[in-house]
Amino acid sequence: MKYQIKQTSELTDSDIEHILHLWDVSAWNTMKPSYFHTFFKDSEFHFLLDSQSEILAVLRLNFDFILEISGNQYAFAETVGLVAAHKQKGYGAILVEKFKENVTQRNLETIGFCHTDLRPFYEKCNIEILYNKAKAIKEHADSEWINSDDDDILIFNVSQKEKEQLSRLSTQHNAYLITKE
């Protein structure tokens, strides 16, 4: 098995088709490669490949992610879209291990999110979890701020200072997702 990273611009049409198939997001099923390149331009893709370079697992690292906490902005790389081609084979766990090593070596402030049903997977992968903290993150939808759909914050590589900020999040102490206009 091989670990590989590709920038969005390096993805082939075949890569994109395979990623979209694995993600299985109905709204994206008809996405064309040109739009994919634009939509995910601030991302890189991490792969676990077999000996024939077939994708066994993929995740996306989103570099367009800023949280505002107590008036200060914190830029993180956000881990999203982890999926394995075959369930219960350990491919996702292997990719998470290689990915964590990579972002640690690169000293990238990297977080992710999960729902409660995925806690056992990330616990098994030895990913630090800030339980029930993601609900304190507000996202702008239409003309209002709504709570995040996720439950937990995953710590892949974060400084102690930022981790303390994230640990303090609560219903009385929210973070706000800042998006580029």
C-alpha atoms as a PDB file:
ATOM      1  CA  MET A   1       0.000   0.000   0.000  1.00  0.00           C
ATOM      2  CA  LYS A   2       1.156   3.477  -0.854  1.00  0.00           C
ATOM      3  CA  TYR A   3       0.359   6.855   0.711  1.00  0.00           C
ATOM      4  CA  GLN A   4       0.037   9.700  -1.778  1.00  0.00           C
ATOM      5  CA  ILE A   5      -0.896  13.384  -1.672  1.00  0.00           C
ATOM      6  CA  LYS A   6      -2.204  15.304  -4.672  1.00  0.00           C
ATOM      7  CA  GLN A   7      -3.125  18.932  -5.066  1.00  0.00           C
ATOM      8  CA  THR A   8      -6.534  19.478  -6.637  1.00  0.00           C
ATOM      9  CA  SER A   9      -4.864  20.594  -9.878  1.00  0.00           C
ATOM     10  CA  GLU A  10      -3.004  17.242 -10.072  1.00  0.00           C
ATOM     11  CA  LEU A  11      -6.149  15.104  -9.966  1.00  0.00           C
ATOM     12  CA  THR A  12      -7.054  13.303 -13.174  1.00  0.00           C
ATOM     13  CA  ASP A  13     -10.627  13.041 -14.407  1.00  0.00           C
ATOM     14  CA  SER A  14     -10.503   9.382 -13.351  1.00  0.00           C
ATOM     15  CA  ASP A  15      -9.347  10.354  -9.829  1.00  0.00           C
ATOM     16  CA  ILE A  16     -12.214  12.835  -9.547  1.00  0.00           C
ATOM     17  CA  GLU A  17     -14.774  10.328 -10.780  1.00  0.00           C
ATOM     18  CA  HIS A  18     -13.543   7.752  -8.252  1.00  0.00           C
ATOM     19  CA  ILE A  19     -13.523  10.271  -5.365  1.00  0.00           C
ATOM     20  CA  LEU A  20     -17.063  11.419  -6.152  1.00  0.00           C
ATOM     21  CA  HIS A  21     -18.207   7.797  -6.360  1.00  0.00           C
ATOM     22  CA  LEU A  22     -16.675   7.024  -2.949  1.00  0.00           C
ATOM     23  CA  TRP A  23     -18.088  10.173  -1.342  1.00  0.00           C
ATOM     24  CA  ASP A  24     -21.551   9.376  -2.735  1.00  0.00           C
ATOM     25  CA  VAL A  25     -22.987  12.877  -2.214  1.00  0.00           C
ATOM     26  CA  SER A  26     -26.069  13.047  -4.431  1.00  0.00           C
ATOM     27  CA  ALA A  27     -25.697  16.785  -5.122  1.00  0.00           C
ATOM     28  CA  TRP A  28     -22.168  16.163  -6.461  1.00  0.00           C
ATOM     29  CA  ASN A  29     -22.845  13.051  -8.579  1.00  0.00           C
ATOM     30  CA  THR A  30     -22.978  15.059 -11.804  1.00  0.00           C
ATOM     31  CA  MET A  31     -20.101  17.405 -10.926  1.00  0.00           C
ATOM     32  CA  LYS A  32     -17.764  17.925 -13.870  1.00  0.00           C
ATOM     33  CA  PRO A  33     -13.972  17.832 -13.353  1.00  0.00           C
ATOM     34  CA  SER A  34     -13.589  21.534 -14.228  1.00  0.00           C
ATOM     35  CA  TYR A  35     -16.090  22.511 -11.536  1.00  0.00           C
ATOM     36  CA  PHE A  36     -14.498  20.050  -9.066  1.00  0.00           C
ATOM     37  CA  HIS A  37     -11.127  21.778  -9.590  1.00  0.00           C
ATOM     38  CA  THR A  38     -12.708  25.167  -8.853  1.00  0.00           C
ATOM     39  CA  PHE A  39     -14.925  24.019  -5.977  1.00  0.00           C
ATOM     40  CA  PHE A  40     -12.054  22.281  -4.138  1.00  0.00           C
ATOM     41  CA  LYS A  41      -9.230  24.630  -5.197  1.00  0.00           C
ATOM     42  CA  ASP A  42      -8.087  25.258  -1.596  1.00  0.00           C
ATOM     43  CA  SER A  43      -7.675  21.550  -0.882  1.00  0.00           C
ATOM     44  CA  GLU A  44      -5.289  18.674  -1.165  1.00  0.00           C
ATOM     45  CA  PHE A  45      -6.232  15.018  -1.339  1.00  0.00           C
ATOM     46  CA  HIS A  46      -4.622  12.219   0.655  1.00  0.00           C
ATOM     47  CA  PHE A  47      -4.837   8.684  -0.689  1.00  0.00           C
ATOM     48  CA  LEU A  48      -4.086   5.147   0.349  1.00  0.00           C
ATOM     49  CA  LEU A  49      -3.451   3.200  -2.859  1.00  0.00           C
ATOM     50  CA  ASP A  50      -3.043  -0.490  -3.612  1.00  0.00           C
ATOM     51  CA  SER A  51      -0.183  -1.932  -5.701  1.00  0.00           C
ATOM     52  CA  GLN A  52      -2.075  -1.077  -8.921  1.00  0.00           C
ATOM     53  CA  SER A  53      -2.595   2.541  -7.719  1.00  0.00           C
ATOM     54  CA  GLU A  54      -6.319   1.966  -7.126  1.00  0.00           C
ATOM     55  CA  ILE A  55      -7.787   4.166  -4.394  1.00  0.00           C
ATOM     56  CA  LEU A  56      -8.366   2.232  -1.166  1.00  0.00           C
ATOM     57  CA  ALA A  57      -9.160   5.307   0.954  1.00  0.00           C
ATOM     58  CA  VAL A  58      -9.262   9.068   0.470  1.00  0.00           C
ATOM     59  CA  LEU A  59      -9.602  12.201   2.568  1.00  0.00           C
ATOM     60  CA  ARG A  60      -9.572  15.874   1.732  1.00  0.00           C
ATOM     61  CA  LEU A  61      -7.636  18.570   3.539  1.00  0.00           C
ATOM     62  CA  ASN A  62      -9.449  21.915   3.279  1.00  0.00           C
ATOM     63  CA  PHE A  63      -7.200  24.959   3.700  1.00  0.00           C
ATOM     64  CA  ASP A  64     -10.105  27.437   3.553  1.00  0.00           C
ATOM     65  CA  PHE A  65     -11.171  27.073   7.189  1.00  0.00           C
ATOM     66  CA  ILE A  66     -11.067  29.872   9.764  1.00  0.00           C
ATOM     67  CA  LEU A  67     -12.710  29.931  13.180  1.00  0.00           C
ATOM     68  CA  GLU A  68     -13.301  33.141  15.081  1.00  0.00           C
ATOM     69  CA  ILE A  69     -13.114  32.600  18.835  1.00  0.00           C
ATOM     70  CA  SER A  70     -13.402  35.508  21.274  1.00  0.00           C
ATOM     71  CA  GLY A  71     -12.699  37.991  18.482  1.00  0.00           C
ATOM     72  CA  ASN A  72      -9.523  36.222  17.309  1.00  0.00           C
ATOM     73  CA  GLN A  73      -9.243  34.315  14.048  1.00  0.00           C
ATOM     74  CA  TYR A  74      -7.602  30.890  13.929  1.00  0.00           C
ATOM     75  CA  ALA A  75      -6.751  29.266  10.598  1.00  0.00           C
ATOM     76  CA  PHE A  76      -6.840  25.481  10.581  1.00  0.00           C
ATOM     77  CA  ALA A  77      -6.534  22.859   7.911  1.00  0.00           C
ATOM     78  CA  GLU A  78      -9.807  20.921   8.082  1.00  0.00           C
ATOM     79  CA  THR A  79      -9.921  17.171   7.528  1.00  0.00           C
ATOM     80  CA  VAL A  80     -13.057  16.109   5.651  1.00  0.00           C
ATOM     81  CA  GLY A  81     -14.381  13.405   3.362  1.00  0.00           C
ATOM     82  CA  LEU A  82     -12.606  10.364   4.801  1.00  0.00           C
ATOM     83  CA  VAL A  83     -13.954   7.267   3.113  1.00  0.00           C
ATOM     84  CA  ALA A  84     -12.605   3.812   2.326  1.00  0.00           C
ATOM     85  CA  ALA A  85     -13.409   1.861  -0.835  1.00  0.00           C
ATOM     86  CA  HIS A  86     -14.070  -1.277   1.247  1.00  0.00           C
ATOM     87  CA  LYS A  87     -15.386  -1.175   4.803  1.00  0.00           C
ATOM     88  CA  GLN A  88     -13.855  -3.088   7.726  1.00  0.00           C
ATOM     89  CA  LYS A  89     -10.520  -3.711   5.964  1.00  0.00           C
ATOM     90  CA  GLY A  90      -8.513  -1.160   7.975  1.00  0.00           C
ATOM     91  CA  TYR A  91      -7.822   1.130   4.997  1.00  0.00           C
ATOM     92  CA  GLY A  92      -9.374   4.186   6.638  1.00  0.00           C
ATOM     93  CA  ALA A  93      -7.367   3.628   9.822  1.00  0.00           C
ATOM     94  CA  ILE A  94      -4.117   3.243   7.868  1.00  0.00           C
ATOM     95  CA  LEU A  95      -4.813   6.449   5.942  1.00  0.00           C
ATOM     96  CA  VAL A  96      -5.601   8.328   9.175  1.00  0.00           C
ATOM     97  CA  GLU A  97      -2.288   7.147  10.677  1.00  0.00           C
ATOM     98  CA  LYS A  98      -0.253   8.204   7.608  1.00  0.00           C
ATOM     99  CA  PHE A  99      -2.181  11.488   7.378  1.00  0.00           C
ATOM    100  CA  LYS A 100      -1.583  12.346  11.046  1.00  0.00           C
ATOM    101  CA  GLU A 101       2.157  11.667  10.621  1.00  0.00           C
ATOM    102  CA  ASN A 102       2.203  13.922   7.542  1.00  0.00           C
ATOM    103  CA  VAL A 103       0.428  16.933   9.074  1.00  0.00           C
ATOM    104  CA  THR A 104       2.555  16.591  12.218  1.00  0.00           C
ATOM    105  CA  GLN A 105       5.787  16.571  10.167  1.00  0.00           C
ATOM    106  CA  ARG A 106       4.558  19.588   8.191  1.00  0.00           C
ATOM    107  CA  ASN A 107       3.412  21.275  11.421  1.00  0.00           C
ATOM    108  CA  LEU A 108      -0.030  21.979   9.942  1.00  0.00           C
ATOM    109  CA  GLU A 109      -2.655  23.035  12.491  1.00  0.00           C
ATOM    110  CA  THR A 110      -5.192  20.373  11.547  1.00  0.00           C
ATOM    111  CA  ILE A 111      -8.600  19.511  12.956  1.00  0.00           C
ATOM    112  CA  GLY A 112     -11.596  17.503  11.840  1.00  0.00           C
ATOM    113  CA  PHE A 113     -15.086  16.769  13.011  1.00  0.00           C
ATOM    114  CA  CYS A 114     -17.244  13.728  13.612  1.00  0.00           C
ATOM    115  CA  HIS A 115     -20.616  12.554  14.832  1.00  0.00           C
ATOM    116  CA  THR A 116     -20.878  10.415  17.966  1.00  0.00           C
ATOM    117  CA  ASP A 117     -21.240   7.179  15.976  1.00  0.00           C
ATOM    118  CA  LEU A 118     -17.703   7.645  14.578  1.00  0.00           C
ATOM    119  CA  ARG A 119     -16.036   8.157  17.964  1.00  0.00           C
ATOM    120  CA  PRO A 120     -14.983   4.480  18.304  1.00  0.00           C
ATOM    121  CA  PHE A 121     -13.181   4.619  14.946  1.00  0.00           C
ATOM    122  CA  TYR A 122     -11.184   7.736  15.847  1.00  0.00           C
ATOM    123  CA  GLU A 123     -10.511   6.464  19.377  1.00  0.00           C
ATOM    124  CA  LYS A 124      -9.110   3.266  17.844  1.00  0.00           C
ATOM    125  CA  CYS A 125      -6.925   5.449  15.593  1.00  0.00           C
ATOM    126  CA  ASN A 126      -5.615   7.304  18.697  1.00  0.00           C
ATOM    127  CA  ILE A 127      -6.949  10.646  17.485  1.00  0.00           C
ATOM    128  CA  GLU A 128      -7.569  13.053  20.345  1.00  0.00           C
ATOM    129  CA  ILE A 129     -11.250  13.965  20.546  1.00  0.00           C
ATOM    130  CA  LEU A 130     -12.753  17.071  22.110  1.00  0.00           C
ATOM    131  CA  TYR A 131     -16.101  15.533  22.953  1.00  0.00           C
ATOM    132  CA  ASN A 132     -19.279  17.547  22.262  1.00  0.00           C
ATOM    133  CA  LYS A 133     -17.333  20.693  21.332  1.00  0.00           C
ATOM    134  CA  ALA A 134     -18.295  20.938  17.643  1.00  0.00           C
ATOM    135  CA  LYS A 135     -21.880  21.926  18.495  1.00  0.00           C
ATOM    136  CA  ALA A 136     -20.466  25.213  19.832  1.00  0.00           C
ATOM    137  CA  ILE A 137     -19.282  26.134  16.331  1.00  0.00           C
ATOM    138  CA  LYS A 138     -21.734  28.377  14.511  1.00  0.00           C
ATOM    139  CA  GLU A 139     -22.032  28.434  10.730  1.00  0.00           C
ATOM    140  CA  HIS A 140     -23.695  31.202   8.743  1.00  0.00           C
ATOM    141  CA  ALA A 141     -26.748  29.946   6.850  1.00  0.00           C
ATOM    142  CA  ASP A 142     -28.927  32.388   4.961  1.00  0.00           C
ATOM    143  CA  SER A 143     -29.216  35.280   7.417  1.00  0.00           C
ATOM    144  CA  GLU A 144     -28.611  33.470  10.703  1.00  0.00           C
ATOM    145  CA  TRP A 145     -25.958  31.583  12.646  1.00  0.00           C
ATOM    146  CA  ILE A 146     -26.753  27.903  13.193  1.00  0.00           C
ATOM    147  CA  ASN A 147     -25.004  25.207  15.214  1.00  0.00           C
ATOM    148  CA  SER A 148     -22.679  22.806  13.465  1.00  0.00           C
ATOM    149  CA  ASP A 149     -24.145  19.437  12.546  1.00  0.00           C
ATOM    150  CA  ASP A 150     -21.115  17.643  14.031  1.00  0.00           C
ATOM    151  CA  ASP A 151     -20.644  16.565  17.634  1.00  0.00           C
ATOM    152  CA  ASP A 152     -16.904  16.348  18.257  1.00  0.00           C
ATOM    153  CA  ILE A 153     -13.685  18.079  17.232  1.00  0.00           C
ATOM    154  CA  LEU A 154     -10.829  15.808  16.152  1.00  0.00           C
ATOM    155  CA  ILE A 155      -7.285  16.950  16.938  1.00  0.00           C
ATOM    156  CA  PHE A 156      -4.808  15.775  14.294  1.00  0.00           C
ATOM    157  CA  ASN A 157      -2.113  18.377  14.998  1.00  0.00           C
ATOM    158  CA  VAL A 158      -2.843  21.526  16.990  1.00  0.00           C
ATOM    159  CA  SER A 159      -0.696  23.703  19.247  1.00  0.00           C
ATOM    160  CA  GLN A 160      -1.487  23.708  22.946  1.00  0.00           C
ATOM    161  CA  LYS A 161      -2.739  27.306  22.742  1.00  0.00           C
ATOM    162  CA  GLU A 162      -5.262  26.531  19.987  1.00  0.00           C
ATOM    163  CA  LYS A 163      -6.286  23.287  21.691  1.00  0.00           C
ATOM    164  CA  GLU A 164      -7.083  25.237  24.863  1.00  0.00           C
ATOM    165  CA  GLN A 165      -9.241  27.651  22.837  1.00  0.00           C
ATOM    166  CA  LEU A 166     -11.135  24.749  21.267  1.00  0.00           C
ATOM    167  CA  SER A 167     -11.489  22.987  24.633  1.00  0.00           C
ATOM    168  CA  ARG A 168     -13.219  26.039  26.114  1.00  0.00           C
ATOM    169  CA  LEU A 169     -15.983  26.090  23.509  1.00  0.00           C
ATOM    170  CA  SER A 170     -19.505  25.795  24.925  1.00  0.00           C
ATOM    171  CA  THR A 171     -23.030  27.064  24.359  1.00  0.00           C
ATOM    172  CA  GLN A 172     -21.944  30.252  26.150  1.00  0.00           C
ATOM    173  CA  HIS A 173     -18.567  30.457  24.376  1.00  0.00           C
ATOM    174  CA  ASN A 174     -19.045  29.847  20.641  1.00  0.00           C
ATOM    175  CA  ALA A 175     -16.715  29.789  17.677  1.00  0.00           C
ATOM    176  CA  TYR A 176     -17.841  31.168  14.329  1.00  0.00           C
ATOM    177  CA  LEU A 177     -16.892  29.706  10.961  1.00  0.00           C
ATOM    178  CA  ILE A 178     -15.567  32.535   8.790  1.00  0.00           C
ATOM    179  CA  THR A 179     -15.985  32.037   5.052  1.00  0.00           C
ATOM    180  CA  LYS A 180     -14.408  33.960   2.196  1.00  0.00           C
ATOM    181  CA  GLU A 181     -16.848  36.223   0.403  1.00  0.00           C
END
